[in-house]
Amino acid sequence: MKKWKRLSSQVIYTNPWYSIRKDRVVKPNGERGEYHVIVRPPAVFIVPIDEEGNVYLIRIYHYTTQMYSIEIPAGGTEHEKPLMAAKRELQEEAGIKAKKWTLLGKYQILNGLTDEIGYAYCAQNLDHIGKNEKEMNEEGISRVMRVPFRQALDMIKNGKITDGQSIVALSLAALNRGILIK
């Protein structure tokens, strides 16, 4: 099978969060064309699980969809290593620090549209350091909630958790045999 071939590349838009690149390409069938790619740094997704087997979720309003969403803490790496970004995001969005971190997986987020890679982590041995009200208000986070892990999986099944990245990370946590989930 032939691969795509990039002939040229030009950044046509940029902002602090992403850029858009226009590539002139040769498609696998030999035809020439254009492909637009959203270029983003990696993102991190955190599944914080306490000693009782509860997971911490946030309720956040997203401008893009004009909807509230229940999801796990997450965010961009902001030029940090993924683990450092995950630690920062967990503190900012949920007011939690963790002593134990496990990489659950690395995955392609929306590979037909962006080059962004996601890193899912499980955070355990949690310490509550208090909410960062400024950060929560800026992000649109209205609530941090603690639910049994199995209930979070039921929330996926029942359509209460619809965020794709949260579904991936929670599924990876459920599949990871090295993590005890009650």
N, C-alpha and C. Protein backbone atom coordinates (compact mmCIF):
# COMPACT_ATOMS: atom_id res chain seq x y z
N MET A 1 0.84 -1.18 0.00
CA MET A 1 0.00 0.00 0.00
C MET A 1 0.88 1.24 0.00
N LYS A 2 0.58 2.16 -0.86
CA LYS A 2 1.33 3.41 -0.94
C LYS A 2 0.91 4.34 0.20
N LYS A 3 1.84 5.21 0.58
CA LYS A 3 1.58 6.20 1.62
C LYS A 3 1.34 7.57 0.99
N TRP A 4 0.82 8.48 1.80
CA TRP A 4 0.71 9.87 1.40
C TRP A 4 2.13 10.45 1.30
N LYS A 5 2.34 11.37 0.39
CA LYS A 5 3.64 12.03 0.27
C LYS A 5 3.43 13.54 0.36
N ARG A 6 4.16 14.18 1.25
CA ARG A 6 4.06 15.64 1.41
C ARG A 6 5.06 16.29 0.45
N LEU A 7 4.55 17.20 -0.39
CA LEU A 7 5.39 17.94 -1.34
C LEU A 7 5.86 19.26 -0.75
N SER A 8 4.96 19.93 -0.01
CA SER A 8 5.32 21.20 0.62
C SER A 8 4.38 21.42 1.80
N SER A 9 4.78 22.34 2.65
CA SER A 9 4.02 22.60 3.86
C SER A 9 4.11 24.08 4.20
N GLN A 10 2.98 24.67 4.62
CA GLN A 10 2.95 26.09 4.97
C GLN A 10 1.98 26.29 6.13
N VAL A 11 2.43 27.00 7.18
CA VAL A 11 1.55 27.35 8.29
C VAL A 11 0.70 28.53 7.82
N ILE A 12 -0.63 28.35 7.86
CA ILE A 12 -1.53 29.39 7.36
C ILE A 12 -2.27 30.13 8.47
N TYR A 13 -2.19 29.61 9.71
CA TYR A 13 -2.84 30.26 10.83
C TYR A 13 -2.16 29.80 12.10
N THR A 14 -2.04 30.71 13.06
CA THR A 14 -1.47 30.33 14.35
C THR A 14 -2.09 31.16 15.46
N ASN A 15 -2.21 30.56 16.64
CA ASN A 15 -2.65 31.24 17.86
C ASN A 15 -1.94 30.56 19.02
N PRO A 16 -2.16 30.99 20.25
CA PRO A 16 -1.42 30.38 21.37
C PRO A 16 -1.69 28.88 21.60
N TRP A 17 -2.78 28.33 21.07
CA TRP A 17 -3.14 26.95 21.36
C TRP A 17 -2.88 25.97 20.23
N TYR A 18 -2.90 26.45 19.00
CA TYR A 18 -2.68 25.55 17.87
C TYR A 18 -2.33 26.36 16.63
N SER A 19 -1.89 25.66 15.60
CA SER A 19 -1.70 26.29 14.29
C SER A 19 -2.33 25.37 13.25
N ILE A 20 -2.57 25.93 12.08
CA ILE A 20 -3.10 25.14 10.98
C ILE A 20 -2.07 25.15 9.86
N ARG A 21 -1.74 23.96 9.41
CA ARG A 21 -0.74 23.77 8.37
C ARG A 21 -1.43 23.28 7.10
N LYS A 22 -1.09 23.89 5.97
CA LYS A 22 -1.61 23.43 4.68
C LYS A 22 -0.49 22.70 3.97
N ASP A 23 -0.72 21.43 3.69
CA ASP A 23 0.26 20.61 2.99
C ASP A 23 -0.22 20.34 1.57
N ARG A 24 0.68 20.45 0.63
CA ARG A 24 0.42 19.97 -0.73
C ARG A 24 0.93 18.54 -0.74
N VAL A 25 0.08 17.62 -1.20
CA VAL A 25 0.37 16.20 -1.06
C VAL A 25 0.14 15.44 -2.36
N VAL A 26 0.70 14.24 -2.38
CA VAL A 26 0.35 13.23 -3.36
C VAL A 26 -0.36 12.14 -2.57
N LYS A 27 -1.60 11.87 -2.93
CA LYS A 27 -2.41 10.88 -2.23
C LYS A 27 -1.95 9.47 -2.58
N PRO A 28 -2.35 8.47 -1.79
CA PRO A 28 -1.95 7.09 -2.10
C PRO A 28 -2.35 6.64 -3.51
N ASN A 29 -3.40 7.23 -4.08
CA ASN A 29 -3.82 6.85 -5.43
C ASN A 29 -3.06 7.60 -6.52
N GLY A 30 -2.09 8.46 -6.13
CA GLY A 30 -1.27 9.19 -7.09
C GLY A 30 -1.77 10.58 -7.42
N GLU A 31 -2.99 10.92 -7.01
CA GLU A 31 -3.53 12.26 -7.27
C GLU A 31 -2.88 13.29 -6.34
N ARG A 32 -2.75 14.51 -6.85
CA ARG A 32 -2.25 15.61 -6.03
C ARG A 32 -3.42 16.28 -5.33
N GLY A 33 -3.14 16.85 -4.16
CA GLY A 33 -4.19 17.53 -3.42
C GLY A 33 -3.62 18.34 -2.28
N GLU A 34 -4.53 18.81 -1.42
CA GLU A 34 -4.15 19.56 -0.22
C GLU A 34 -4.69 18.84 1.01
N TYR A 35 -3.97 18.97 2.10
CA TYR A 35 -4.42 18.43 3.37
C TYR A 35 -4.13 19.48 4.42
N HIS A 36 -5.14 19.82 5.20
CA HIS A 36 -4.98 20.79 6.28
C HIS A 36 -4.87 20.03 7.60
N VAL A 37 -3.87 20.37 8.38
CA VAL A 37 -3.59 19.69 9.64
C VAL A 37 -3.58 20.70 10.78
N ILE A 38 -4.33 20.40 11.84
CA ILE A 38 -4.26 21.22 13.05
C ILE A 38 -3.06 20.70 13.86
N VAL A 39 -2.11 21.56 14.09
CA VAL A 39 -0.88 21.20 14.79
C VAL A 39 -1.02 21.63 16.24
N ARG A 40 -0.92 20.66 17.15
CA ARG A 40 -1.09 20.95 18.59
C ARG A 40 -0.05 20.19 19.39
N PRO A 41 0.36 20.76 20.52
CA PRO A 41 1.24 20.00 21.42
C PRO A 41 0.44 18.86 22.05
N PRO A 42 1.11 17.91 22.65
CA PRO A 42 0.40 16.80 23.29
C PRO A 42 -0.55 17.27 24.39
N ALA A 43 -1.53 16.44 24.70
CA ALA A 43 -2.49 16.72 25.77
C ALA A 43 -2.41 15.59 26.80
N VAL A 44 -2.88 15.90 28.01
CA VAL A 44 -2.86 14.91 29.09
C VAL A 44 -4.27 14.74 29.65
N PHE A 45 -4.57 13.52 30.07
CA PHE A 45 -5.88 13.16 30.61
C PHE A 45 -5.63 12.35 31.87
N ILE A 46 -6.24 12.77 32.97
CA ILE A 46 -5.93 12.18 34.27
C ILE A 46 -7.15 11.50 34.87
N VAL A 47 -6.96 10.23 35.29
CA VAL A 47 -7.99 9.47 35.99
C VAL A 47 -7.55 9.40 37.45
N PRO A 48 -8.04 10.31 38.30
CA PRO A 48 -7.65 10.30 39.71
C PRO A 48 -8.53 9.32 40.49
N ILE A 49 -7.90 8.32 41.09
CA ILE A 49 -8.64 7.28 41.83
C ILE A 49 -8.16 7.27 43.27
N ASP A 50 -9.10 7.39 44.22
CA ASP A 50 -8.72 7.38 45.63
C ASP A 50 -8.66 5.94 46.17
N GLU A 51 -8.29 5.83 47.44
CA GLU A 51 -8.09 4.51 48.06
C GLU A 51 -9.38 3.70 48.18
N GLU A 52 -10.54 4.35 48.10
CA GLU A 52 -11.82 3.63 48.14
C GLU A 52 -12.31 3.23 46.75
N GLY A 53 -11.55 3.56 45.71
CA GLY A 53 -11.95 3.20 44.36
C GLY A 53 -12.87 4.21 43.70
N ASN A 54 -12.87 5.44 44.22
CA ASN A 54 -13.66 6.51 43.61
C ASN A 54 -12.81 7.28 42.62
N VAL A 55 -13.45 7.80 41.59
CA VAL A 55 -12.76 8.63 40.60
C VAL A 55 -13.30 10.05 40.71
N TYR A 56 -12.43 11.03 40.46
CA TYR A 56 -12.81 12.43 40.52
C TYR A 56 -13.06 12.93 39.10
N LEU A 57 -14.23 13.52 38.90
CA LEU A 57 -14.64 14.06 37.62
C LEU A 57 -14.93 15.55 37.77
N ILE A 58 -14.90 16.26 36.67
CA ILE A 58 -15.27 17.67 36.70
C ILE A 58 -16.48 17.88 35.79
N ARG A 59 -17.23 18.93 36.10
CA ARG A 59 -18.32 19.38 35.22
C ARG A 59 -17.87 20.70 34.66
N ILE A 60 -17.81 20.78 33.34
CA ILE A 60 -17.24 21.95 32.66
C ILE A 60 -18.12 22.33 31.48
N TYR A 61 -18.21 23.63 31.25
CA TYR A 61 -18.96 24.13 30.10
C TYR A 61 -17.99 24.37 28.96
N HIS A 62 -18.32 23.82 27.77
CA HIS A 62 -17.46 24.01 26.60
C HIS A 62 -18.13 24.95 25.60
N TYR A 63 -17.46 26.01 25.29
CA TYR A 63 -17.96 26.98 24.33
C TYR A 63 -18.19 26.32 22.97
N THR A 64 -17.28 25.44 22.56
CA THR A 64 -17.35 24.84 21.22
C THR A 64 -18.65 24.10 20.97
N THR A 65 -19.13 23.39 21.97
CA THR A 65 -20.36 22.60 21.81
C THR A 65 -21.57 23.27 22.44
N GLN A 66 -21.33 24.34 23.22
CA GLN A 66 -22.39 25.03 23.94
C GLN A 66 -23.12 24.08 24.89
N MET A 67 -22.33 23.19 25.52
CA MET A 67 -22.90 22.19 26.42
C MET A 67 -22.01 22.01 27.65
N TYR A 68 -22.64 21.55 28.73
CA TYR A 68 -21.88 21.10 29.89
C TYR A 68 -21.41 19.68 29.61
N SER A 69 -20.28 19.34 30.20
CA SER A 69 -19.70 18.01 30.00
C SER A 69 -19.15 17.52 31.34
N ILE A 70 -19.35 16.25 31.61
CA ILE A 70 -18.72 15.60 32.77
C ILE A 70 -17.52 14.85 32.22
N GLU A 71 -16.36 15.14 32.77
CA GLU A 71 -15.14 14.53 32.24
C GLU A 71 -14.05 14.48 33.30
N ILE A 72 -12.95 13.87 32.94
CA ILE A 72 -11.80 13.80 33.84
C ILE A 72 -10.98 15.09 33.68
N PRO A 73 -10.16 15.43 34.67
CA PRO A 73 -9.26 16.57 34.50
C PRO A 73 -8.33 16.33 33.31
N ALA A 74 -8.05 17.40 32.57
CA ALA A 74 -7.24 17.25 31.36
C ALA A 74 -6.71 18.61 30.93
N GLY A 75 -5.78 18.60 29.99
CA GLY A 75 -5.29 19.86 29.45
C GLY A 75 -4.09 19.67 28.56
N GLY A 76 -3.58 20.79 28.10
CA GLY A 76 -2.41 20.79 27.22
C GLY A 76 -1.11 20.72 27.99
N THR A 77 -0.06 20.36 27.29
CA THR A 77 1.24 20.22 27.94
C THR A 77 1.97 21.55 28.10
N GLU A 78 1.59 22.57 27.34
CA GLU A 78 2.21 23.88 27.49
C GLU A 78 3.74 23.80 27.54
N HIS A 79 4.33 23.04 26.63
CA HIS A 79 5.78 22.88 26.49
C HIS A 79 6.43 22.18 27.68
N GLU A 80 5.64 21.38 28.41
CA GLU A 80 6.16 20.59 29.52
C GLU A 80 6.21 19.12 29.11
N LYS A 81 6.89 18.33 29.89
CA LYS A 81 6.80 16.89 29.70
C LYS A 81 5.40 16.47 30.12
N PRO A 82 4.82 15.44 29.48
CA PRO A 82 3.44 15.06 29.78
C PRO A 82 3.15 14.80 31.26
N LEU A 83 4.01 14.12 31.97
CA LEU A 83 3.74 13.84 33.39
C LEU A 83 3.69 15.13 34.20
N MET A 84 4.58 16.07 33.93
CA MET A 84 4.56 17.34 34.66
C MET A 84 3.27 18.11 34.36
N ALA A 85 2.83 18.07 33.11
CA ALA A 85 1.58 18.74 32.74
C ALA A 85 0.39 18.07 33.43
N ALA A 86 0.41 16.74 33.52
CA ALA A 86 -0.69 16.02 34.18
C ALA A 86 -0.77 16.42 35.65
N LYS A 87 0.36 16.52 36.31
CA LYS A 87 0.37 16.93 37.72
C LYS A 87 -0.18 18.34 37.88
N ARG A 88 0.21 19.24 36.99
CA ARG A 88 -0.28 20.63 37.04
C ARG A 88 -1.78 20.69 36.79
N GLU A 89 -2.25 19.98 35.77
CA GLU A 89 -3.67 20.02 35.42
C GLU A 89 -4.55 19.44 36.54
N LEU A 90 -4.10 18.38 37.18
CA LEU A 90 -4.89 17.79 38.27
C LEU A 90 -5.04 18.79 39.42
N GLN A 91 -3.97 19.51 39.73
CA GLN A 91 -4.03 20.53 40.78
C GLN A 91 -4.93 21.68 40.38
N GLU A 92 -4.77 22.16 39.14
CA GLU A 92 -5.54 23.32 38.68
C GLU A 92 -7.04 23.02 38.59
N GLU A 93 -7.39 21.87 38.04
CA GLU A 93 -8.79 21.59 37.75
C GLU A 93 -9.55 20.90 38.87
N ALA A 94 -8.85 20.16 39.73
CA ALA A 94 -9.56 19.42 40.78
C ALA A 94 -9.04 19.71 42.18
N GLY A 95 -7.96 20.48 42.30
CA GLY A 95 -7.42 20.77 43.62
C GLY A 95 -6.82 19.55 44.29
N ILE A 96 -6.19 18.67 43.49
CA ILE A 96 -5.66 17.41 44.00
C ILE A 96 -4.20 17.24 43.57
N LYS A 97 -3.40 16.72 44.50
CA LYS A 97 -2.04 16.25 44.20
C LYS A 97 -2.05 14.74 44.38
N ALA A 98 -1.19 14.06 43.62
CA ALA A 98 -1.10 12.60 43.73
C ALA A 98 0.35 12.19 43.93
N LYS A 99 0.54 11.14 44.73
CA LYS A 99 1.89 10.63 44.98
C LYS A 99 2.27 9.53 44.00
N LYS A 100 1.27 8.83 43.45
CA LYS A 100 1.54 7.72 42.54
C LYS A 100 0.93 8.01 41.17
N TRP A 101 1.74 7.88 40.13
CA TRP A 101 1.30 8.13 38.76
C TRP A 101 1.62 6.92 37.87
N THR A 102 0.66 6.52 37.07
CA THR A 102 0.83 5.40 36.15
C THR A 102 0.39 5.85 34.76
N LEU A 103 1.26 5.68 33.78
CA LEU A 103 0.88 5.96 32.40
C LEU A 103 -0.02 4.83 31.92
N LEU A 104 -1.25 5.18 31.55
CA LEU A 104 -2.22 4.18 31.07
C LEU A 104 -2.07 3.94 29.58
N GLY A 105 -1.66 4.95 28.84
CA GLY A 105 -1.51 4.79 27.40
C GLY A 105 -1.28 6.11 26.70
N LYS A 106 -0.82 5.99 25.48
CA LYS A 106 -0.56 7.11 24.59
C LYS A 106 -1.38 6.84 23.34
N TYR A 107 -2.12 7.84 22.85
CA TYR A 107 -2.99 7.57 21.71
C TYR A 107 -3.18 8.80 20.83
N GLN A 108 -3.62 8.54 19.60
CA GLN A 108 -3.90 9.59 18.63
C GLN A 108 -5.30 10.14 18.93
N ILE A 109 -5.40 11.43 19.09
CA ILE A 109 -6.65 12.03 19.52
C ILE A 109 -7.68 12.12 18.40
N LEU A 110 -7.37 12.76 17.33
CA LEU A 110 -8.30 12.92 16.20
C LEU A 110 -7.44 12.89 14.94
N ASN A 111 -6.91 11.72 14.61
CA ASN A 111 -5.83 11.59 13.64
C ASN A 111 -6.19 11.94 12.20
N GLY A 112 -7.43 12.20 11.88
CA GLY A 112 -7.78 12.68 10.56
C GLY A 112 -7.76 14.20 10.47
N LEU A 113 -7.57 14.85 11.61
CA LEU A 113 -7.67 16.30 11.67
C LEU A 113 -6.46 16.97 12.33
N THR A 114 -5.87 16.29 13.32
CA THR A 114 -4.78 16.90 14.09
C THR A 114 -3.66 15.89 14.35
N ASP A 115 -2.47 16.43 14.58
CA ASP A 115 -1.33 15.59 14.93
C ASP A 115 -1.20 15.40 16.44
N GLU A 116 -2.17 15.88 17.21
CA GLU A 116 -2.11 15.86 18.67
C GLU A 116 -2.11 14.43 19.22
N ILE A 117 -1.23 14.20 20.17
CA ILE A 117 -1.13 12.92 20.87
C ILE A 117 -1.63 13.11 22.29
N GLY A 118 -2.37 12.13 22.80
CA GLY A 118 -2.88 12.18 24.16
C GLY A 118 -2.15 11.20 25.06
N TYR A 119 -1.90 11.60 26.28
CA TYR A 119 -1.30 10.74 27.30
C TYR A 119 -2.31 10.60 28.43
N ALA A 120 -2.71 9.38 28.72
CA ALA A 120 -3.65 9.12 29.81
C ALA A 120 -2.88 8.59 31.01
N TYR A 121 -3.15 9.18 32.16
CA TYR A 121 -2.49 8.79 33.41
C TYR A 121 -3.53 8.42 34.46
N CYS A 122 -3.16 7.49 35.33
CA CYS A 122 -3.93 7.23 36.54
C CYS A 122 -3.15 7.89 37.68
N ALA A 123 -3.86 8.66 38.49
CA ALA A 123 -3.26 9.31 39.66
C ALA A 123 -3.84 8.66 40.91
N GLN A 124 -2.97 8.23 41.82
CA GLN A 124 -3.40 7.57 43.05
C GLN A 124 -2.66 8.15 44.24
N ASN A 125 -3.05 7.72 45.45
CA ASN A 125 -2.51 8.28 46.70
C ASN A 125 -2.71 9.79 46.68
N LEU A 126 -3.97 10.18 46.70
CA LEU A 126 -4.38 11.57 46.48
C LEU A 126 -4.36 12.40 47.75
N ASP A 127 -3.97 13.67 47.60
CA ASP A 127 -4.04 14.68 48.66
C ASP A 127 -4.86 15.84 48.12
N HIS A 128 -5.85 16.27 48.90
CA HIS A 128 -6.68 17.40 48.50
C HIS A 128 -6.02 18.68 48.99
N ILE A 129 -5.65 19.54 48.05
CA ILE A 129 -4.94 20.78 48.41
C ILE A 129 -5.86 22.00 48.32
N GLY A 130 -7.08 21.80 47.89
CA GLY A 130 -8.03 22.90 47.78
C GLY A 130 -8.20 23.35 46.34
N LYS A 131 -9.39 23.85 46.06
CA LYS A 131 -9.73 24.28 44.71
C LYS A 131 -9.01 25.56 44.34
N ASN A 132 -8.66 25.65 43.08
CA ASN A 132 -8.09 26.86 42.52
C ASN A 132 -9.24 27.60 41.84
N GLU A 133 -9.95 28.41 42.61
CA GLU A 133 -11.16 29.08 42.12
C GLU A 133 -10.90 29.90 40.86
N LYS A 134 -9.77 30.59 40.81
CA LYS A 134 -9.45 31.41 39.64
C LYS A 134 -9.35 30.54 38.39
N GLU A 135 -8.62 29.45 38.49
CA GLU A 135 -8.45 28.54 37.35
C GLU A 135 -9.77 27.88 36.97
N MET A 136 -10.53 27.45 37.97
CA MET A 136 -11.81 26.80 37.69
C MET A 136 -12.76 27.77 36.99
N ASN A 137 -12.81 29.03 37.44
CA ASN A 137 -13.68 30.02 36.80
C ASN A 137 -13.23 30.30 35.37
N GLU A 138 -11.92 30.41 35.17
CA GLU A 138 -11.39 30.67 33.83
C GLU A 138 -11.73 29.54 32.87
N GLU A 139 -11.64 28.31 33.34
CA GLU A 139 -11.90 27.13 32.51
C GLU A 139 -13.39 26.86 32.32
N GLY A 140 -14.22 27.36 33.24
CA GLY A 140 -15.65 27.06 33.17
C GLY A 140 -16.03 25.81 33.95
N ILE A 141 -15.18 25.43 34.91
CA ILE A 141 -15.46 24.25 35.74
C ILE A 141 -16.43 24.64 36.84
N SER A 142 -17.58 24.00 36.87
CA SER A 142 -18.59 24.36 37.86
C SER A 142 -18.63 23.40 39.04
N ARG A 143 -17.98 22.24 38.90
CA ARG A 143 -18.09 21.26 39.97
C ARG A 143 -17.01 20.20 39.85
N VAL A 144 -16.49 19.75 40.99
CA VAL A 144 -15.64 18.56 41.06
C VAL A 144 -16.46 17.53 41.81
N MET A 145 -16.58 16.34 41.24
CA MET A 145 -17.40 15.31 41.88
C MET A 145 -16.60 14.02 42.06
N ARG A 146 -16.96 13.27 43.07
CA ARG A 146 -16.31 12.00 43.42
C ARG A 146 -17.36 10.91 43.28
N VAL A 147 -17.09 9.95 42.38
CA VAL A 147 -18.05 8.86 42.17
C VAL A 147 -17.30 7.53 42.15
N PRO A 148 -17.96 6.44 42.53
CA PRO A 148 -17.32 5.13 42.41
C PRO A 148 -16.92 4.89 40.95
N PHE A 149 -15.77 4.26 40.77
CA PHE A 149 -15.25 4.05 39.41
C PHE A 149 -16.27 3.33 38.53
N ARG A 150 -16.90 2.32 39.07
CA ARG A 150 -17.90 1.57 38.27
C ARG A 150 -19.06 2.47 37.85
N GLN A 151 -19.41 3.44 38.70
CA GLN A 151 -20.47 4.39 38.34
C GLN A 151 -20.02 5.27 37.17
N ALA A 152 -18.74 5.64 37.16
CA ALA A 152 -18.22 6.42 36.03
C ALA A 152 -18.34 5.63 34.74
N LEU A 153 -18.06 4.32 34.80
CA LEU A 153 -18.23 3.49 33.60
C LEU A 153 -19.69 3.41 33.19
N ASP A 154 -20.60 3.33 34.17
CA ASP A 154 -22.04 3.34 33.87
C ASP A 154 -22.44 4.69 33.25
N MET A 155 -21.81 5.78 33.69
CA MET A 155 -22.11 7.09 33.14
C MET A 155 -21.72 7.16 31.65
N ILE A 156 -20.68 6.44 31.28
CA ILE A 156 -20.31 6.34 29.86
C ILE A 156 -21.41 5.58 29.12
N LYS A 157 -21.77 4.43 29.67
CA LYS A 157 -22.79 3.58 29.03
C LYS A 157 -24.13 4.29 28.90
N ASN A 158 -24.49 5.10 29.89
CA ASN A 158 -25.78 5.79 29.90
C ASN A 158 -25.75 7.16 29.23
N GLY A 159 -24.64 7.52 28.63
CA GLY A 159 -24.56 8.78 27.90
C GLY A 159 -24.39 10.02 28.75
N LYS A 160 -24.02 9.86 30.02
CA LYS A 160 -23.79 11.03 30.88
C LYS A 160 -22.37 11.56 30.73
N ILE A 161 -21.43 10.67 30.40
CA ILE A 161 -20.08 11.09 30.04
C ILE A 161 -19.98 10.87 28.53
N THR A 162 -19.83 11.98 27.79
CA THR A 162 -19.79 11.90 26.34
C THR A 162 -18.47 12.41 25.75
N ASP A 163 -17.61 12.94 26.59
CA ASP A 163 -16.30 13.43 26.14
C ASP A 163 -15.44 12.25 25.72
N GLY A 164 -15.03 12.22 24.46
CA GLY A 164 -14.28 11.09 23.92
C GLY A 164 -12.98 10.81 24.64
N GLN A 165 -12.25 11.87 25.02
CA GLN A 165 -10.97 11.66 25.69
C GLN A 165 -11.16 11.07 27.08
N SER A 166 -12.22 11.47 27.77
CA SER A 166 -12.53 10.89 29.08
C SER A 166 -12.91 9.42 28.93
N ILE A 167 -13.68 9.12 27.90
CA ILE A 167 -14.08 7.73 27.66
C ILE A 167 -12.85 6.87 27.39
N VAL A 168 -11.92 7.37 26.59
CA VAL A 168 -10.70 6.61 26.30
C VAL A 168 -9.91 6.37 27.58
N ALA A 169 -9.65 7.44 28.35
CA ALA A 169 -8.81 7.31 29.55
C ALA A 169 -9.46 6.42 30.60
N LEU A 170 -10.77 6.58 30.83
CA LEU A 170 -11.46 5.72 31.81
C LEU A 170 -11.46 4.27 31.34
N SER A 171 -11.60 4.05 30.05
CA SER A 171 -11.55 2.68 29.51
C SER A 171 -10.16 2.07 29.68
N LEU A 172 -9.13 2.87 29.43
CA LEU A 172 -7.76 2.38 29.64
C LEU A 172 -7.54 2.02 31.11
N ALA A 173 -8.07 2.84 32.02
CA ALA A 173 -7.94 2.53 33.45
C ALA A 173 -8.66 1.23 33.78
N ALA A 174 -9.85 1.03 33.20
CA ALA A 174 -10.61 -0.20 33.47
C ALA A 174 -9.89 -1.43 32.92
N LEU A 175 -9.17 -1.25 31.82
CA LEU A 175 -8.46 -2.38 31.20
C LEU A 175 -7.09 -2.66 31.82
N ASN A 176 -6.56 -1.69 32.56
CA ASN A 176 -5.23 -1.84 33.14
C ASN A 176 -5.29 -2.75 34.36
N ARG A 177 -4.68 -3.91 34.24
CA ARG A 177 -4.75 -4.90 35.32
C ARG A 177 -3.88 -4.55 36.51
N GLY A 178 -2.95 -3.60 36.33
CA GLY A 178 -2.07 -3.22 37.42
C GLY A 178 -2.72 -2.23 38.39
N ILE A 179 -3.94 -1.81 38.10
CA ILE A 179 -4.61 -0.84 38.96
C ILE A 179 -5.82 -1.51 39.59
N LEU A 180 -5.89 -1.46 40.91
CA LEU A 180 -7.03 -2.05 41.61
C LEU A 180 -8.18 -1.07 41.59
N ILE A 181 -9.26 -1.47 40.95
CA ILE A 181 -10.45 -0.65 40.88
C ILE A 181 -11.60 -1.43 41.53
N LYS A 182 -12.19 -0.84 42.55
CA LYS A 182 -13.25 -1.52 43.28
C LYS A 182 -14.58 -1.29 42.60
